[in-house]
Amino acid sequence: MSTPDTERRLREAFDALAREVRPAPDAYRTVRGEWLRRERRRRLVLAVLIAVVFTLATLAGLWVLNNAPSGPGAIYDDPRKSVPSAPVLAPGS
């Protein structure tokens, strides 16, 4: 059997099989409905995931802020305490 003969026979067999296949009358509507349900579910899962991540990030930030030391830090030190006061000169001296 040669290659062109095999290809011809396969094409004829597939054509005969394709002529016998009939789609269901509501196949498109059924498949589209399933696709829309999956799309809605994907969007719902994504929205819930975003809400959970946002909530966890907010709670973690609040927890970190709540556990910060309450004493004065290096940034917010009172500048009057760290700078020596200059002597006050009387006017006219």
C-alpha atoms as a PDB file:
ATOM      1  CA  MET A   1       0.000   0.000   0.000  1.00  0.00           C
ATOM      2  CA  SER A   2       1.431   3.381  -0.972  1.00  0.00           C
ATOM      3  CA  THR A   3       1.179   6.584   1.041  1.00  0.00           C
ATOM      4  CA  PRO A   4      -1.227   8.403  -1.344  1.00  0.00           C
ATOM      5  CA  ASP A   5      -3.517   5.345  -1.328  1.00  0.00           C
ATOM      6  CA  THR A   6      -3.501   5.244   2.488  1.00  0.00           C
ATOM      7  CA  GLU A   7      -4.273   8.949   2.687  1.00  0.00           C
ATOM      8  CA  ARG A   8      -7.139   8.584   0.208  1.00  0.00           C
ATOM      9  CA  ARG A   9      -8.641   5.667   2.121  1.00  0.00           C
ATOM     10  CA  LEU A  10      -8.345   7.477   5.449  1.00  0.00           C
ATOM     11  CA  ARG A  11      -9.949  10.595   3.962  1.00  0.00           C
ATOM     12  CA  GLU A  12     -12.855   8.520   2.617  1.00  0.00           C
ATOM     13  CA  ALA A  13     -13.308   6.788   5.983  1.00  0.00           C
ATOM     14  CA  PHE A  14     -13.299  10.078   7.899  1.00  0.00           C
ATOM     15  CA  ASP A  15     -15.666  11.679   5.386  1.00  0.00           C
ATOM     16  CA  ALA A  16     -18.094   8.762   5.770  1.00  0.00           C
ATOM     17  CA  LEU A  17     -17.879   9.046   9.559  1.00  0.00           C
ATOM     18  CA  ALA A  18     -18.397  12.810   9.435  1.00  0.00           C
ATOM     19  CA  ARG A  19     -21.534  12.419   7.306  1.00  0.00           C
ATOM     20  CA  GLU A  20     -23.090  10.249  10.015  1.00  0.00           C
ATOM     21  CA  VAL A  21     -22.390  12.647  12.902  1.00  0.00           C
ATOM     22  CA  ARG A  22     -25.332  14.887  13.792  1.00  0.00           C
ATOM     23  CA  PRO A  23     -25.008  17.545  16.500  1.00  0.00           C
ATOM     24  CA  ALA A  24     -27.592  17.698  19.247  1.00  0.00           C
ATOM     25  CA  PRO A  25     -30.222  20.397  18.587  1.00  0.00           C
ATOM     26  CA  ASP A  26     -29.355  22.368  21.733  1.00  0.00           C
ATOM     27  CA  ALA A  27     -25.619  21.579  21.866  1.00  0.00           C
ATOM     28  CA  TYR A  28     -24.515  25.191  21.465  1.00  0.00           C
ATOM     29  CA  ARG A  29     -26.859  26.458  24.176  1.00  0.00           C
ATOM     30  CA  THR A  30     -25.746  23.697  26.573  1.00  0.00           C
ATOM     31  CA  VAL A  31     -22.051  24.281  26.018  1.00  0.00           C
ATOM     32  CA  ARG A  32     -22.453  28.066  26.241  1.00  0.00           C
ATOM     33  CA  GLY A  33     -24.362  27.714  29.523  1.00  0.00           C
ATOM     34  CA  GLU A  34     -21.625  25.523  30.984  1.00  0.00           C
ATOM     35  CA  TRP A  35     -18.965  27.979  29.845  1.00  0.00           C
ATOM     36  CA  LEU A  36     -20.847  30.916  31.421  1.00  0.00           C
ATOM     37  CA  ARG A  37     -21.214  29.005  34.711  1.00  0.00           C
ATOM     38  CA  ARG A  38     -17.479  28.278  34.772  1.00  0.00           C
ATOM     39  CA  GLU A  39     -16.706  31.927  33.981  1.00  0.00           C
ATOM     40  CA  ARG A  40     -18.971  33.154  36.801  1.00  0.00           C
ATOM     41  CA  ARG A  41     -17.363  30.684  39.189  1.00  0.00           C
ATOM     42  CA  ARG A  42     -13.856  31.828  38.166  1.00  0.00           C
ATOM     43  CA  ARG A  43     -14.780  35.454  38.760  1.00  0.00           C
ATOM     44  CA  LEU A  44     -16.378  34.666  42.117  1.00  0.00           C
ATOM     45  CA  VAL A  45     -13.326  32.701  43.261  1.00  0.00           C
ATOM     46  CA  LEU A  46     -11.060  35.546  42.152  1.00  0.00           C
ATOM     47  CA  ALA A  47     -13.163  38.135  44.008  1.00  0.00           C
ATOM     48  CA  VAL A  48     -13.126  36.039  47.190  1.00  0.00           C
ATOM     49  CA  LEU A  49      -9.373  35.510  46.874  1.00  0.00           C
ATOM     50  CA  ILE A  50      -8.778  39.246  46.444  1.00  0.00           C
ATOM     51  CA  ALA A  51     -10.958  40.001  49.476  1.00  0.00           C
ATOM     52  CA  VAL A  52      -9.108  37.436  51.612  1.00  0.00           C
ATOM     53  CA  VAL A  53      -5.668  38.727  50.581  1.00  0.00           C
ATOM     54  CA  PHE A  54      -6.723  42.348  51.215  1.00  0.00           C
ATOM     55  CA  THR A  55      -8.163  41.454  54.620  1.00  0.00           C
ATOM     56  CA  LEU A  56      -5.073  39.498  55.643  1.00  0.00           C
ATOM     57  CA  ALA A  57      -2.760  42.307  54.518  1.00  0.00           C
ATOM     58  CA  THR A  58      -4.817  44.859  56.450  1.00  0.00           C
ATOM     59  CA  LEU A  59      -4.846  42.715  59.592  1.00  0.00           C
ATOM     60  CA  ALA A  60      -1.108  42.083  59.337  1.00  0.00           C
ATOM     61  CA  GLY A  61      -0.441  45.820  58.959  1.00  0.00           C
ATOM     62  CA  LEU A  62      -2.618  46.657  61.950  1.00  0.00           C
ATOM     63  CA  TRP A  63      -0.944  43.945  64.027  1.00  0.00           C
ATOM     64  CA  VAL A  64       2.523  45.289  63.148  1.00  0.00           C
ATOM     65  CA  LEU A  65       1.465  48.843  63.999  1.00  0.00           C
ATOM     66  CA  ASN A  66      -0.060  47.678  67.270  1.00  0.00           C
ATOM     67  CA  ASN A  67       3.140  45.857  68.280  1.00  0.00           C
ATOM     68  CA  ALA A  68       5.404  48.838  67.571  1.00  0.00           C
ATOM     69  CA  PRO A  69       7.227  50.190  70.620  1.00  0.00           C
ATOM     70  CA  SER A  70       5.360  53.022  72.303  1.00  0.00           C
ATOM     71  CA  GLY A  71       8.455  54.956  73.407  1.00  0.00           C
ATOM     72  CA  PRO A  72       9.951  57.716  71.313  1.00  0.00           C
ATOM     73  CA  GLY A  73      12.067  56.490  68.456  1.00  0.00           C
ATOM     74  CA  ALA A  74      15.080  57.973  66.766  1.00  0.00           C
ATOM     75  CA  ILE A  75      12.994  59.751  64.174  1.00  0.00           C
ATOM     76  CA  TYR A  76      10.509  61.383  66.524  1.00  0.00           C
ATOM     77  CA  ASP A  77      12.878  62.390  69.338  1.00  0.00           C
ATOM     78  CA  ASP A  78      12.234  65.762  70.906  1.00  0.00           C
ATOM     79  CA  PRO A  79      14.719  68.100  69.179  1.00  0.00           C
ATOM     80  CA  ARG A  80      14.857  70.361  72.245  1.00  0.00           C
ATOM     81  CA  LYS A  81      16.424  67.572  74.295  1.00  0.00           C
ATOM     82  CA  SER A  82      19.100  66.649  71.756  1.00  0.00           C
ATOM     83  CA  VAL A  83      20.329  70.142  70.860  1.00  0.00           C
ATOM     84  CA  PRO A  84      22.192  72.044  73.612  1.00  0.00           C
ATOM     85  CA  SER A  85      20.628  75.397  74.356  1.00  0.00           C
ATOM     86  CA  ALA A  86      22.553  78.496  73.337  1.00  0.00           C
ATOM     87  CA  PRO A  87      23.298  81.107  75.986  1.00  0.00           C
ATOM     88  CA  VAL A  88      20.819  83.923  76.038  1.00  0.00           C
ATOM     89  CA  LEU A  89      22.492  87.269  75.470  1.00  0.00           C
ATOM     90  CA  ALA A  90      21.098  90.405  76.949  1.00  0.00           C
ATOM     91  CA  PRO A  91      20.337  93.175  74.501  1.00  0.00           C
ATOM     92  CA  GLY A  92      23.155  95.632  74.182  1.00  0.00           C
ATOM     93  CA  SER A  93      25.879  93.316  75.500  1.00  0.00           C
END
